[in-house]
Amino acid sequence: TLAVDPRSAAALLATDMGLAAAVVA
């Protein structure tokens, strides 16, 4: 669990942008 960073920019950007695109779709 130490390998997970809640502030990881790459993961947050990918998930949030993906969710936004899914909502628009």
PDBML (XML) file of the C-alpha atoms, coordinates in Angstrom:
<?xml version="1.0" encoding="UTF-8" ?>
<PDBx:datablock datablockName="MODEL"
   xmlns:PDBx="http://pdbml.pdb.org/schema/pdbx-v50.xsd"
   xmlns:xsi="http://www.w3.org/2001/XMLSchema-instance"
   xsi:schemaLocation="http://pdbml.pdb.org/schema/pdbx-v50.xsd pdbx-v50.xsd">
   <PDBx:atom_siteCategory>
      <PDBx:atom_site id="1">
         <PDBx:B_iso_or_equiv>0.00</PDBx:B_iso_or_equiv>
         <PDBx:Cartn_x>0.000</PDBx:Cartn_x>
         <PDBx:Cartn_y>0.000</PDBx:Cartn_y>
         <PDBx:Cartn_z>0.000</PDBx:Cartn_z>
         <PDBx:auth_asym_id>A</PDBx:auth_asym_id>
         <PDBx:auth_atom_id>CA</PDBx:auth_atom_id>
         <PDBx:auth_comp_id>THR</PDBx:auth_comp_id>
         <PDBx:auth_seq_id>1</PDBx:auth_seq_id>
         <PDBx:group_PDB>ATOM</PDBx:group_PDB>
         <PDBx:label_alt_id xsi:nil="true" />
         <PDBx:label_asym_id>A</PDBx:label_asym_id>
         <PDBx:label_atom_id>CA</PDBx:label_atom_id>
         <PDBx:label_comp_id>THR</PDBx:label_comp_id>
         <PDBx:label_entity_id>1</PDBx:label_entity_id>
         <PDBx:label_seq_id>1</PDBx:label_seq_id>
         <PDBx:occupancy>1.00</PDBx:occupancy>
         <PDBx:pdbx_PDB_model_num>1</PDBx:pdbx_PDB_model_num>
         <PDBx:type_symbol>C</PDBx:type_symbol>
      </PDBx:atom_site>
      <PDBx:atom_site id="2">
         <PDBx:B_iso_or_equiv>0.00</PDBx:B_iso_or_equiv>
         <PDBx:Cartn_x>3.029</PDBx:Cartn_x>
         <PDBx:Cartn_y>2.279</PDBx:Cartn_y>
         <PDBx:Cartn_z>0.401</PDBx:Cartn_z>
         <PDBx:auth_asym_id>A</PDBx:auth_asym_id>
         <PDBx:auth_atom_id>CA</PDBx:auth_atom_id>
         <PDBx:auth_comp_id>LEU</PDBx:auth_comp_id>
         <PDBx:auth_seq_id>2</PDBx:auth_seq_id>
         <PDBx:group_PDB>ATOM</PDBx:group_PDB>
         <PDBx:label_alt_id xsi:nil="true" />
         <PDBx:label_asym_id>A</PDBx:label_asym_id>
         <PDBx:label_atom_id>CA</PDBx:label_atom_id>
         <PDBx:label_comp_id>LEU</PDBx:label_comp_id>
         <PDBx:label_entity_id>1</PDBx:label_entity_id>
         <PDBx:label_seq_id>2</PDBx:label_seq_id>
         <PDBx:occupancy>1.00</PDBx:occupancy>
         <PDBx:pdbx_PDB_model_num>1</PDBx:pdbx_PDB_model_num>
         <PDBx:type_symbol>C</PDBx:type_symbol>
      </PDBx:atom_site>
      <PDBx:atom_site id="3">
         <PDBx:B_iso_or_equiv>0.00</PDBx:B_iso_or_equiv>
         <PDBx:Cartn_x>3.361</PDBx:Cartn_x>
         <PDBx:Cartn_y>2.271</PDBx:Cartn_y>
         <PDBx:Cartn_z>-3.402</PDBx:Cartn_z>
         <PDBx:auth_asym_id>A</PDBx:auth_asym_id>
         <PDBx:auth_atom_id>CA</PDBx:auth_atom_id>
         <PDBx:auth_comp_id>ALA</PDBx:auth_comp_id>
         <PDBx:auth_seq_id>3</PDBx:auth_seq_id>
         <PDBx:group_PDB>ATOM</PDBx:group_PDB>
         <PDBx:label_alt_id xsi:nil="true" />
         <PDBx:label_asym_id>A</PDBx:label_asym_id>
         <PDBx:label_atom_id>CA</PDBx:label_atom_id>
         <PDBx:label_comp_id>ALA</PDBx:label_comp_id>
         <PDBx:label_entity_id>1</PDBx:label_entity_id>
         <PDBx:label_seq_id>3</PDBx:label_seq_id>
         <PDBx:occupancy>1.00</PDBx:occupancy>
         <PDBx:pdbx_PDB_model_num>1</PDBx:pdbx_PDB_model_num>
         <PDBx:type_symbol>C</PDBx:type_symbol>
      </PDBx:atom_site>
      <PDBx:atom_site id="4">
         <PDBx:B_iso_or_equiv>0.00</PDBx:B_iso_or_equiv>
         <PDBx:Cartn_x>0.075</PDBx:Cartn_x>
         <PDBx:Cartn_y>4.172</PDBx:Cartn_y>
         <PDBx:Cartn_z>-3.794</PDBx:Cartn_z>
         <PDBx:auth_asym_id>A</PDBx:auth_asym_id>
         <PDBx:auth_atom_id>CA</PDBx:auth_atom_id>
         <PDBx:auth_comp_id>VAL</PDBx:auth_comp_id>
         <PDBx:auth_seq_id>4</PDBx:auth_seq_id>
         <PDBx:group_PDB>ATOM</PDBx:group_PDB>
         <PDBx:label_alt_id xsi:nil="true" />
         <PDBx:label_asym_id>A</PDBx:label_asym_id>
         <PDBx:label_atom_id>CA</PDBx:label_atom_id>
         <PDBx:label_comp_id>VAL</PDBx:label_comp_id>
         <PDBx:label_entity_id>1</PDBx:label_entity_id>
         <PDBx:label_seq_id>4</PDBx:label_seq_id>
         <PDBx:occupancy>1.00</PDBx:occupancy>
         <PDBx:pdbx_PDB_model_num>1</PDBx:pdbx_PDB_model_num>
         <PDBx:type_symbol>C</PDBx:type_symbol>
      </PDBx:atom_site>
      <PDBx:atom_site id="5">
         <PDBx:B_iso_or_equiv>0.00</PDBx:B_iso_or_equiv>
         <PDBx:Cartn_x>0.321</PDBx:Cartn_x>
         <PDBx:Cartn_y>7.959</PDBx:Cartn_y>
         <PDBx:Cartn_z>-3.625</PDBx:Cartn_z>
         <PDBx:auth_asym_id>A</PDBx:auth_asym_id>
         <PDBx:auth_atom_id>CA</PDBx:auth_atom_id>
         <PDBx:auth_comp_id>ASP</PDBx:auth_comp_id>
         <PDBx:auth_seq_id>5</PDBx:auth_seq_id>
         <PDBx:group_PDB>ATOM</PDBx:group_PDB>
         <PDBx:label_alt_id xsi:nil="true" />
         <PDBx:label_asym_id>A</PDBx:label_asym_id>
         <PDBx:label_atom_id>CA</PDBx:label_atom_id>
         <PDBx:label_comp_id>ASP</PDBx:label_comp_id>
         <PDBx:label_entity_id>1</PDBx:label_entity_id>
         <PDBx:label_seq_id>5</PDBx:label_seq_id>
         <PDBx:occupancy>1.00</PDBx:occupancy>
         <PDBx:pdbx_PDB_model_num>1</PDBx:pdbx_PDB_model_num>
         <PDBx:type_symbol>C</PDBx:type_symbol>
      </PDBx:atom_site>
      <PDBx:atom_site id="6">
         <PDBx:B_iso_or_equiv>0.00</PDBx:B_iso_or_equiv>
         <PDBx:Cartn_x>-3.000</PDBx:Cartn_x>
         <PDBx:Cartn_y>9.858</PDBx:Cartn_y>
         <PDBx:Cartn_z>-3.354</PDBx:Cartn_z>
         <PDBx:auth_asym_id>A</PDBx:auth_asym_id>
         <PDBx:auth_atom_id>CA</PDBx:auth_atom_id>
         <PDBx:auth_comp_id>PRO</PDBx:auth_comp_id>
         <PDBx:auth_seq_id>6</PDBx:auth_seq_id>
         <PDBx:group_PDB>ATOM</PDBx:group_PDB>
         <PDBx:label_alt_id xsi:nil="true" />
         <PDBx:label_asym_id>A</PDBx:label_asym_id>
         <PDBx:label_atom_id>CA</PDBx:label_atom_id>
         <PDBx:label_comp_id>PRO</PDBx:label_comp_id>
         <PDBx:label_entity_id>1</PDBx:label_entity_id>
         <PDBx:label_seq_id>6</PDBx:label_seq_id>
         <PDBx:occupancy>1.00</PDBx:occupancy>
         <PDBx:pdbx_PDB_model_num>1</PDBx:pdbx_PDB_model_num>
         <PDBx:type_symbol>C</PDBx:type_symbol>
      </PDBx:atom_site>
      <PDBx:atom_site id="7">
         <PDBx:B_iso_or_equiv>0.00</PDBx:B_iso_or_equiv>
         <PDBx:Cartn_x>-1.237</PDBx:Cartn_x>
         <PDBx:Cartn_y>12.861</PDBx:Cartn_y>
         <PDBx:Cartn_z>-4.910</PDBx:Cartn_z>
         <PDBx:auth_asym_id>A</PDBx:auth_asym_id>
         <PDBx:auth_atom_id>CA</PDBx:auth_atom_id>
         <PDBx:auth_comp_id>ARG</PDBx:auth_comp_id>
         <PDBx:auth_seq_id>7</PDBx:auth_seq_id>
         <PDBx:group_PDB>ATOM</PDBx:group_PDB>
         <PDBx:label_alt_id xsi:nil="true" />
         <PDBx:label_asym_id>A</PDBx:label_asym_id>
         <PDBx:label_atom_id>CA</PDBx:label_atom_id>
         <PDBx:label_comp_id>ARG</PDBx:label_comp_id>
         <PDBx:label_entity_id>1</PDBx:label_entity_id>
         <PDBx:label_seq_id>7</PDBx:label_seq_id>
         <PDBx:occupancy>1.00</PDBx:occupancy>
         <PDBx:pdbx_PDB_model_num>1</PDBx:pdbx_PDB_model_num>
         <PDBx:type_symbol>C</PDBx:type_symbol>
      </PDBx:atom_site>
      <PDBx:atom_site id="8">
         <PDBx:B_iso_or_equiv>0.00</PDBx:B_iso_or_equiv>
         <PDBx:Cartn_x>0.135</PDBx:Cartn_x>
         <PDBx:Cartn_y>11.030</PDBx:Cartn_y>
         <PDBx:Cartn_z>-7.965</PDBx:Cartn_z>
         <PDBx:auth_asym_id>A</PDBx:auth_asym_id>
         <PDBx:auth_atom_id>CA</PDBx:auth_atom_id>
         <PDBx:auth_comp_id>SER</PDBx:auth_comp_id>
         <PDBx:auth_seq_id>8</PDBx:auth_seq_id>
         <PDBx:group_PDB>ATOM</PDBx:group_PDB>
         <PDBx:label_alt_id xsi:nil="true" />
         <PDBx:label_asym_id>A</PDBx:label_asym_id>
         <PDBx:label_atom_id>CA</PDBx:label_atom_id>
         <PDBx:label_comp_id>SER</PDBx:label_comp_id>
         <PDBx:label_entity_id>1</PDBx:label_entity_id>
         <PDBx:label_seq_id>8</PDBx:label_seq_id>
         <PDBx:occupancy>1.00</PDBx:occupancy>
         <PDBx:pdbx_PDB_model_num>1</PDBx:pdbx_PDB_model_num>
         <PDBx:type_symbol>C</PDBx:type_symbol>
      </PDBx:atom_site>
      <PDBx:atom_site id="9">
         <PDBx:B_iso_or_equiv>0.00</PDBx:B_iso_or_equiv>
         <PDBx:Cartn_x>-0.319</PDBx:Cartn_x>
         <PDBx:Cartn_y>13.546</PDBx:Cartn_y>
         <PDBx:Cartn_z>-10.781</PDBx:Cartn_z>
         <PDBx:auth_asym_id>A</PDBx:auth_asym_id>
         <PDBx:auth_atom_id>CA</PDBx:auth_atom_id>
         <PDBx:auth_comp_id>ALA</PDBx:auth_comp_id>
         <PDBx:auth_seq_id>9</PDBx:auth_seq_id>
         <PDBx:group_PDB>ATOM</PDBx:group_PDB>
         <PDBx:label_alt_id xsi:nil="true" />
         <PDBx:label_asym_id>A</PDBx:label_asym_id>
         <PDBx:label_atom_id>CA</PDBx:label_atom_id>
         <PDBx:label_comp_id>ALA</PDBx:label_comp_id>
         <PDBx:label_entity_id>1</PDBx:label_entity_id>
         <PDBx:label_seq_id>9</PDBx:label_seq_id>
         <PDBx:occupancy>1.00</PDBx:occupancy>
         <PDBx:pdbx_PDB_model_num>1</PDBx:pdbx_PDB_model_num>
         <PDBx:type_symbol>C</PDBx:type_symbol>
      </PDBx:atom_site>
      <PDBx:atom_site id="10">
         <PDBx:B_iso_or_equiv>0.00</PDBx:B_iso_or_equiv>
         <PDBx:Cartn_x>-0.110</PDBx:Cartn_x>
         <PDBx:Cartn_y>11.009</PDBx:Cartn_y>
         <PDBx:Cartn_z>-13.621</PDBx:Cartn_z>
         <PDBx:auth_asym_id>A</PDBx:auth_asym_id>
         <PDBx:auth_atom_id>CA</PDBx:auth_atom_id>
         <PDBx:auth_comp_id>ALA</PDBx:auth_comp_id>
         <PDBx:auth_seq_id>10</PDBx:auth_seq_id>
         <PDBx:group_PDB>ATOM</PDBx:group_PDB>
         <PDBx:label_alt_id xsi:nil="true" />
         <PDBx:label_asym_id>A</PDBx:label_asym_id>
         <PDBx:label_atom_id>CA</PDBx:label_atom_id>
         <PDBx:label_comp_id>ALA</PDBx:label_comp_id>
         <PDBx:label_entity_id>1</PDBx:label_entity_id>
         <PDBx:label_seq_id>10</PDBx:label_seq_id>
         <PDBx:occupancy>1.00</PDBx:occupancy>
         <PDBx:pdbx_PDB_model_num>1</PDBx:pdbx_PDB_model_num>
         <PDBx:type_symbol>C</PDBx:type_symbol>
      </PDBx:atom_site>
      <PDBx:atom_site id="11">
         <PDBx:B_iso_or_equiv>0.00</PDBx:B_iso_or_equiv>
         <PDBx:Cartn_x>-2.770</PDBx:Cartn_x>
         <PDBx:Cartn_y>8.698</PDBx:Cartn_y>
         <PDBx:Cartn_z>-12.155</PDBx:Cartn_z>
         <PDBx:auth_asym_id>A</PDBx:auth_asym_id>
         <PDBx:auth_atom_id>CA</PDBx:auth_atom_id>
         <PDBx:auth_comp_id>ALA</PDBx:auth_comp_id>
         <PDBx:auth_seq_id>11</PDBx:auth_seq_id>
         <PDBx:group_PDB>ATOM</PDBx:group_PDB>
         <PDBx:label_alt_id xsi:nil="true" />
         <PDBx:label_asym_id>A</PDBx:label_asym_id>
         <PDBx:label_atom_id>CA</PDBx:label_atom_id>
         <PDBx:label_comp_id>ALA</PDBx:label_comp_id>
         <PDBx:label_entity_id>1</PDBx:label_entity_id>
         <PDBx:label_seq_id>11</PDBx:label_seq_id>
         <PDBx:occupancy>1.00</PDBx:occupancy>
         <PDBx:pdbx_PDB_model_num>1</PDBx:pdbx_PDB_model_num>
         <PDBx:type_symbol>C</PDBx:type_symbol>
      </PDBx:atom_site>
      <PDBx:atom_site id="12">
         <PDBx:B_iso_or_equiv>0.00</PDBx:B_iso_or_equiv>
         <PDBx:Cartn_x>-5.081</PDBx:Cartn_x>
         <PDBx:Cartn_y>11.529</PDBx:Cartn_y>
         <PDBx:Cartn_z>-11.087</PDBx:Cartn_z>
         <PDBx:auth_asym_id>A</PDBx:auth_asym_id>
         <PDBx:auth_atom_id>CA</PDBx:auth_atom_id>
         <PDBx:auth_comp_id>LEU</PDBx:auth_comp_id>
         <PDBx:auth_seq_id>12</PDBx:auth_seq_id>
         <PDBx:group_PDB>ATOM</PDBx:group_PDB>
         <PDBx:label_alt_id xsi:nil="true" />
         <PDBx:label_asym_id>A</PDBx:label_asym_id>
         <PDBx:label_atom_id>CA</PDBx:label_atom_id>
         <PDBx:label_comp_id>LEU</PDBx:label_comp_id>
         <PDBx:label_entity_id>1</PDBx:label_entity_id>
         <PDBx:label_seq_id>12</PDBx:label_seq_id>
         <PDBx:occupancy>1.00</PDBx:occupancy>
         <PDBx:pdbx_PDB_model_num>1</PDBx:pdbx_PDB_model_num>
         <PDBx:type_symbol>C</PDBx:type_symbol>
      </PDBx:atom_site>
      <PDBx:atom_site id="13">
         <PDBx:B_iso_or_equiv>0.00</PDBx:B_iso_or_equiv>
         <PDBx:Cartn_x>-4.868</PDBx:Cartn_x>
         <PDBx:Cartn_y>13.225</PDBx:Cartn_y>
         <PDBx:Cartn_z>-14.466</PDBx:Cartn_z>
         <PDBx:auth_asym_id>A</PDBx:auth_asym_id>
         <PDBx:auth_atom_id>CA</PDBx:auth_atom_id>
         <PDBx:auth_comp_id>LEU</PDBx:auth_comp_id>
         <PDBx:auth_seq_id>13</PDBx:auth_seq_id>
         <PDBx:group_PDB>ATOM</PDBx:group_PDB>
         <PDBx:label_alt_id xsi:nil="true" />
         <PDBx:label_asym_id>A</PDBx:label_asym_id>
         <PDBx:label_atom_id>CA</PDBx:label_atom_id>
         <PDBx:label_comp_id>LEU</PDBx:label_comp_id>
         <PDBx:label_entity_id>1</PDBx:label_entity_id>
         <PDBx:label_seq_id>13</PDBx:label_seq_id>
         <PDBx:occupancy>1.00</PDBx:occupancy>
         <PDBx:pdbx_PDB_model_num>1</PDBx:pdbx_PDB_model_num>
         <PDBx:type_symbol>C</PDBx:type_symbol>
      </PDBx:atom_site>
      <PDBx:atom_site id="14">
         <PDBx:B_iso_or_equiv>0.00</PDBx:B_iso_or_equiv>
         <PDBx:Cartn_x>-5.570</PDBx:Cartn_x>
         <PDBx:Cartn_y>9.989</PDBx:Cartn_y>
         <PDBx:Cartn_z>-16.335</PDBx:Cartn_z>
         <PDBx:auth_asym_id>A</PDBx:auth_asym_id>
         <PDBx:auth_atom_id>CA</PDBx:auth_atom_id>
         <PDBx:auth_comp_id>ALA</PDBx:auth_comp_id>
         <PDBx:auth_seq_id>14</PDBx:auth_seq_id>
         <PDBx:group_PDB>ATOM</PDBx:group_PDB>
         <PDBx:label_alt_id xsi:nil="true" />
         <PDBx:label_asym_id>A</PDBx:label_asym_id>
         <PDBx:label_atom_id>CA</PDBx:label_atom_id>
         <PDBx:label_comp_id>ALA</PDBx:label_comp_id>
         <PDBx:label_entity_id>1</PDBx:label_entity_id>
         <PDBx:label_seq_id>14</PDBx:label_seq_id>
         <PDBx:occupancy>1.00</PDBx:occupancy>
         <PDBx:pdbx_PDB_model_num>1</PDBx:pdbx_PDB_model_num>
         <PDBx:type_symbol>C</PDBx:type_symbol>
      </PDBx:atom_site>
      <PDBx:atom_site id="15">
         <PDBx:B_iso_or_equiv>0.00</PDBx:B_iso_or_equiv>
         <PDBx:Cartn_x>-8.560</PDBx:Cartn_x>
         <PDBx:Cartn_y>9.039</PDBx:Cartn_y>
         <PDBx:Cartn_z>-14.191</PDBx:Cartn_z>
         <PDBx:auth_asym_id>A</PDBx:auth_asym_id>
         <PDBx:auth_atom_id>CA</PDBx:auth_atom_id>
         <PDBx:auth_comp_id>THR</PDBx:auth_comp_id>
         <PDBx:auth_seq_id>15</PDBx:auth_seq_id>
         <PDBx:group_PDB>ATOM</PDBx:group_PDB>
         <PDBx:label_alt_id xsi:nil="true" />
         <PDBx:label_asym_id>A</PDBx:label_asym_id>
         <PDBx:label_atom_id>CA</PDBx:label_atom_id>
         <PDBx:label_comp_id>THR</PDBx:label_comp_id>
         <PDBx:label_entity_id>1</PDBx:label_entity_id>
         <PDBx:label_seq_id>15</PDBx:label_seq_id>
         <PDBx:occupancy>1.00</PDBx:occupancy>
         <PDBx:pdbx_PDB_model_num>1</PDBx:pdbx_PDB_model_num>
         <PDBx:type_symbol>C</PDBx:type_symbol>
      </PDBx:atom_site>
      <PDBx:atom_site id="16">
         <PDBx:B_iso_or_equiv>0.00</PDBx:B_iso_or_equiv>
         <PDBx:Cartn_x>-10.157</PDBx:Cartn_x>
         <PDBx:Cartn_y>12.484</PDBx:Cartn_y>
         <PDBx:Cartn_z>-14.017</PDBx:Cartn_z>
         <PDBx:auth_asym_id>A</PDBx:auth_asym_id>
         <PDBx:auth_atom_id>CA</PDBx:auth_atom_id>
         <PDBx:auth_comp_id>ASP</PDBx:auth_comp_id>
         <PDBx:auth_seq_id>16</PDBx:auth_seq_id>
         <PDBx:group_PDB>ATOM</PDBx:group_PDB>
         <PDBx:label_alt_id xsi:nil="true" />
         <PDBx:label_asym_id>A</PDBx:label_asym_id>
         <PDBx:label_atom_id>CA</PDBx:label_atom_id>
         <PDBx:label_comp_id>ASP</PDBx:label_comp_id>
         <PDBx:label_entity_id>1</PDBx:label_entity_id>
         <PDBx:label_seq_id>16</PDBx:label_seq_id>
         <PDBx:occupancy>1.00</PDBx:occupancy>
         <PDBx:pdbx_PDB_model_num>1</PDBx:pdbx_PDB_model_num>
         <PDBx:type_symbol>C</PDBx:type_symbol>
      </PDBx:atom_site>
      <PDBx:atom_site id="17">
         <PDBx:B_iso_or_equiv>0.00</PDBx:B_iso_or_equiv>
         <PDBx:Cartn_x>-9.754</PDBx:Cartn_x>
         <PDBx:Cartn_y>13.170</PDBx:Cartn_y>
         <PDBx:Cartn_z>-17.726</PDBx:Cartn_z>
         <PDBx:auth_asym_id>A</PDBx:auth_asym_id>
         <PDBx:auth_atom_id>CA</PDBx:auth_atom_id>
         <PDBx:auth_comp_id>MET</PDBx:auth_comp_id>
         <PDBx:auth_seq_id>17</PDBx:auth_seq_id>
         <PDBx:group_PDB>ATOM</PDBx:group_PDB>
         <PDBx:label_alt_id xsi:nil="true" />
         <PDBx:label_asym_id>A</PDBx:label_asym_id>
         <PDBx:label_atom_id>CA</PDBx:label_atom_id>
         <PDBx:label_comp_id>MET</PDBx:label_comp_id>
         <PDBx:label_entity_id>1</PDBx:label_entity_id>
         <PDBx:label_seq_id>17</PDBx:label_seq_id>
         <PDBx:occupancy>1.00</PDBx:occupancy>
         <PDBx:pdbx_PDB_model_num>1</PDBx:pdbx_PDB_model_num>
         <PDBx:type_symbol>C</PDBx:type_symbol>
      </PDBx:atom_site>
      <PDBx:atom_site id="18">
         <PDBx:B_iso_or_equiv>0.00</PDBx:B_iso_or_equiv>
         <PDBx:Cartn_x>-11.046</PDBx:Cartn_x>
         <PDBx:Cartn_y>9.687</PDBx:Cartn_y>
         <PDBx:Cartn_z>-18.519</PDBx:Cartn_z>
         <PDBx:auth_asym_id>A</PDBx:auth_asym_id>
         <PDBx:auth_atom_id>CA</PDBx:auth_atom_id>
         <PDBx:auth_comp_id>GLY</PDBx:auth_comp_id>
         <PDBx:auth_seq_id>18</PDBx:auth_seq_id>
         <PDBx:group_PDB>ATOM</PDBx:group_PDB>
         <PDBx:label_alt_id xsi:nil="true" />
         <PDBx:label_asym_id>A</PDBx:label_asym_id>
         <PDBx:label_atom_id>CA</PDBx:label_atom_id>
         <PDBx:label_comp_id>GLY</PDBx:label_comp_id>
         <PDBx:label_entity_id>1</PDBx:label_entity_id>
         <PDBx:label_seq_id>18</PDBx:label_seq_id>
         <PDBx:occupancy>1.00</PDBx:occupancy>
         <PDBx:pdbx_PDB_model_num>1</PDBx:pdbx_PDB_model_num>
         <PDBx:type_symbol>C</PDBx:type_symbol>
      </PDBx:atom_site>
      <PDBx:atom_site id="19">
         <PDBx:B_iso_or_equiv>0.00</PDBx:B_iso_or_equiv>
         <PDBx:Cartn_x>-14.092</PDBx:Cartn_x>
         <PDBx:Cartn_y>10.198</PDBx:Cartn_y>
         <PDBx:Cartn_z>-16.314</PDBx:Cartn_z>
         <PDBx:auth_asym_id>A</PDBx:auth_asym_id>
         <PDBx:auth_atom_id>CA</PDBx:auth_atom_id>
         <PDBx:auth_comp_id>LEU</PDBx:auth_comp_id>
         <PDBx:auth_seq_id>19</PDBx:auth_seq_id>
         <PDBx:group_PDB>ATOM</PDBx:group_PDB>
         <PDBx:label_alt_id xsi:nil="true" />
         <PDBx:label_asym_id>A</PDBx:label_asym_id>
         <PDBx:label_atom_id>CA</PDBx:label_atom_id>
         <PDBx:label_comp_id>LEU</PDBx:label_comp_id>
         <PDBx:label_entity_id>1</PDBx:label_entity_id>
         <PDBx:label_seq_id>19</PDBx:label_seq_id>
         <PDBx:occupancy>1.00</PDBx:occupancy>
         <PDBx:pdbx_PDB_model_num>1</PDBx:pdbx_PDB_model_num>
         <PDBx:type_symbol>C</PDBx:type_symbol>
      </PDBx:atom_site>
      <PDBx:atom_site id="20">
         <PDBx:B_iso_or_equiv>0.00</PDBx:B_iso_or_equiv>
         <PDBx:Cartn_x>-14.797</PDBx:Cartn_x>
         <PDBx:Cartn_y>13.601</PDBx:Cartn_y>
         <PDBx:Cartn_z>-17.848</PDBx:Cartn_z>
         <PDBx:auth_asym_id>A</PDBx:auth_asym_id>
         <PDBx:auth_atom_id>CA</PDBx:auth_atom_id>
         <PDBx:auth_comp_id>ALA</PDBx:auth_comp_id>
         <PDBx:auth_seq_id>20</PDBx:auth_seq_id>
         <PDBx:group_PDB>ATOM</PDBx:group_PDB>
         <PDBx:label_alt_id xsi:nil="true" />
         <PDBx:label_asym_id>A</PDBx:label_asym_id>
         <PDBx:label_atom_id>CA</PDBx:label_atom_id>
         <PDBx:label_comp_id>ALA</PDBx:label_comp_id>
         <PDBx:label_entity_id>1</PDBx:label_entity_id>
         <PDBx:label_seq_id>20</PDBx:label_seq_id>
         <PDBx:occupancy>1.00</PDBx:occupancy>
         <PDBx:pdbx_PDB_model_num>1</PDBx:pdbx_PDB_model_num>
         <PDBx:type_symbol>C</PDBx:type_symbol>
      </PDBx:atom_site>
      <PDBx:atom_site id="21">
         <PDBx:B_iso_or_equiv>0.00</PDBx:B_iso_or_equiv>
         <PDBx:Cartn_x>-14.606</PDBx:Cartn_x>
         <PDBx:Cartn_y>12.123</PDBx:Cartn_y>
         <PDBx:Cartn_z>-21.362</PDBx:Cartn_z>
         <PDBx:auth_asym_id>A</PDBx:auth_asym_id>
         <PDBx:auth_atom_id>CA</PDBx:auth_atom_id>
         <PDBx:auth_comp_id>ALA</PDBx:auth_comp_id>
         <PDBx:auth_seq_id>21</PDBx:auth_seq_id>
         <PDBx:group_PDB>ATOM</PDBx:group_PDB>
         <PDBx:label_alt_id xsi:nil="true" />
         <PDBx:label_asym_id>A</PDBx:label_asym_id>
         <PDBx:label_atom_id>CA</PDBx:label_atom_id>
         <PDBx:label_comp_id>ALA</PDBx:label_comp_id>
         <PDBx:label_entity_id>1</PDBx:label_entity_id>
         <PDBx:label_seq_id>21</PDBx:label_seq_id>
         <PDBx:occupancy>1.00</PDBx:occupancy>
         <PDBx:pdbx_PDB_model_num>1</PDBx:pdbx_PDB_model_num>
         <PDBx:type_symbol>C</PDBx:type_symbol>
      </PDBx:atom_site>
      <PDBx:atom_site id="22">
         <PDBx:B_iso_or_equiv>0.00</PDBx:B_iso_or_equiv>
         <PDBx:Cartn_x>-16.906</PDBx:Cartn_x>
         <PDBx:Cartn_y>9.245</PDBx:Cartn_y>
         <PDBx:Cartn_z>-20.308</PDBx:Cartn_z>
         <PDBx:auth_asym_id>A</PDBx:auth_asym_id>
         <PDBx:auth_atom_id>CA</PDBx:auth_atom_id>
         <PDBx:auth_comp_id>ALA</PDBx:auth_comp_id>
         <PDBx:auth_seq_id>22</PDBx:auth_seq_id>
         <PDBx:group_PDB>ATOM</PDBx:group_PDB>
         <PDBx:label_alt_id xsi:nil="true" />
         <PDBx:label_asym_id>A</PDBx:label_asym_id>
         <PDBx:label_atom_id>CA</PDBx:label_atom_id>
         <PDBx:label_comp_id>ALA</PDBx:label_comp_id>
         <PDBx:label_entity_id>1</PDBx:label_entity_id>
         <PDBx:label_seq_id>22</PDBx:label_seq_id>
         <PDBx:occupancy>1.00</PDBx:occupancy>
         <PDBx:pdbx_PDB_model_num>1</PDBx:pdbx_PDB_model_num>
         <PDBx:type_symbol>C</PDBx:type_symbol>
      </PDBx:atom_site>
      <PDBx:atom_site id="23">
         <PDBx:B_iso_or_equiv>0.00</PDBx:B_iso_or_equiv>
         <PDBx:Cartn_x>-19.489</PDBx:Cartn_x>
         <PDBx:Cartn_y>11.666</PDBx:Cartn_y>
         <PDBx:Cartn_z>-18.916</PDBx:Cartn_z>
         <PDBx:auth_asym_id>A</PDBx:auth_asym_id>
         <PDBx:auth_atom_id>CA</PDBx:auth_atom_id>
         <PDBx:auth_comp_id>VAL</PDBx:auth_comp_id>
         <PDBx:auth_seq_id>23</PDBx:auth_seq_id>
         <PDBx:group_PDB>ATOM</PDBx:group_PDB>
         <PDBx:label_alt_id xsi:nil="true" />
         <PDBx:label_asym_id>A</PDBx:label_asym_id>
         <PDBx:label_atom_id>CA</PDBx:label_atom_id>
         <PDBx:label_comp_id>VAL</PDBx:label_comp_id>
         <PDBx:label_entity_id>1</PDBx:label_entity_id>
         <PDBx:label_seq_id>23</PDBx:label_seq_id>
         <PDBx:occupancy>1.00</PDBx:occupancy>
         <PDBx:pdbx_PDB_model_num>1</PDBx:pdbx_PDB_model_num>
         <PDBx:type_symbol>C</PDBx:type_symbol>
      </PDBx:atom_site>
      <PDBx:atom_site id="24">
         <PDBx:B_iso_or_equiv>0.00</PDBx:B_iso_or_equiv>
         <PDBx:Cartn_x>-19.447</PDBx:Cartn_x>
         <PDBx:Cartn_y>13.694</PDBx:Cartn_y>
         <PDBx:Cartn_z>-22.133</PDBx:Cartn_z>
         <PDBx:auth_asym_id>A</PDBx:auth_asym_id>
         <PDBx:auth_atom_id>CA</PDBx:auth_atom_id>
         <PDBx:auth_comp_id>VAL</PDBx:auth_comp_id>
         <PDBx:auth_seq_id>24</PDBx:auth_seq_id>
         <PDBx:group_PDB>ATOM</PDBx:group_PDB>
         <PDBx:label_alt_id xsi:nil="true" />
         <PDBx:label_asym_id>A</PDBx:label_asym_id>
         <PDBx:label_atom_id>CA</PDBx:label_atom_id>
         <PDBx:label_comp_id>VAL</PDBx:label_comp_id>
         <PDBx:label_entity_id>1</PDBx:label_entity_id>
         <PDBx:label_seq_id>24</PDBx:label_seq_id>
         <PDBx:occupancy>1.00</PDBx:occupancy>
         <PDBx:pdbx_PDB_model_num>1</PDBx:pdbx_PDB_model_num>
         <PDBx:type_symbol>C</PDBx:type_symbol>
      </PDBx:atom_site>
      <PDBx:atom_site id="25">
         <PDBx:B_iso_or_equiv>0.00</PDBx:B_iso_or_equiv>
         <PDBx:Cartn_x>-19.804</PDBx:Cartn_x>
         <PDBx:Cartn_y>10.488</PDBx:Cartn_y>
         <PDBx:Cartn_z>-24.176</PDBx:Cartn_z>
         <PDBx:auth_asym_id>A</PDBx:auth_asym_id>
         <PDBx:auth_atom_id>CA</PDBx:auth_atom_id>
         <PDBx:auth_comp_id>ALA</PDBx:auth_comp_id>
         <PDBx:auth_seq_id>25</PDBx:auth_seq_id>
         <PDBx:group_PDB>ATOM</PDBx:group_PDB>
         <PDBx:label_alt_id xsi:nil="true" />
         <PDBx:label_asym_id>A</PDBx:label_asym_id>
         <PDBx:label_atom_id>CA</PDBx:label_atom_id>
         <PDBx:label_comp_id>ALA</PDBx:label_comp_id>
         <PDBx:label_entity_id>1</PDBx:label_entity_id>
         <PDBx:label_seq_id>25</PDBx:label_seq_id>
         <PDBx:occupancy>1.00</PDBx:occupancy>
         <PDBx:pdbx_PDB_model_num>1</PDBx:pdbx_PDB_model_num>
         <PDBx:type_symbol>C</PDBx:type_symbol>
      </PDBx:atom_site>
   </PDBx:atom_siteCategory>
</PDBx:datablock>
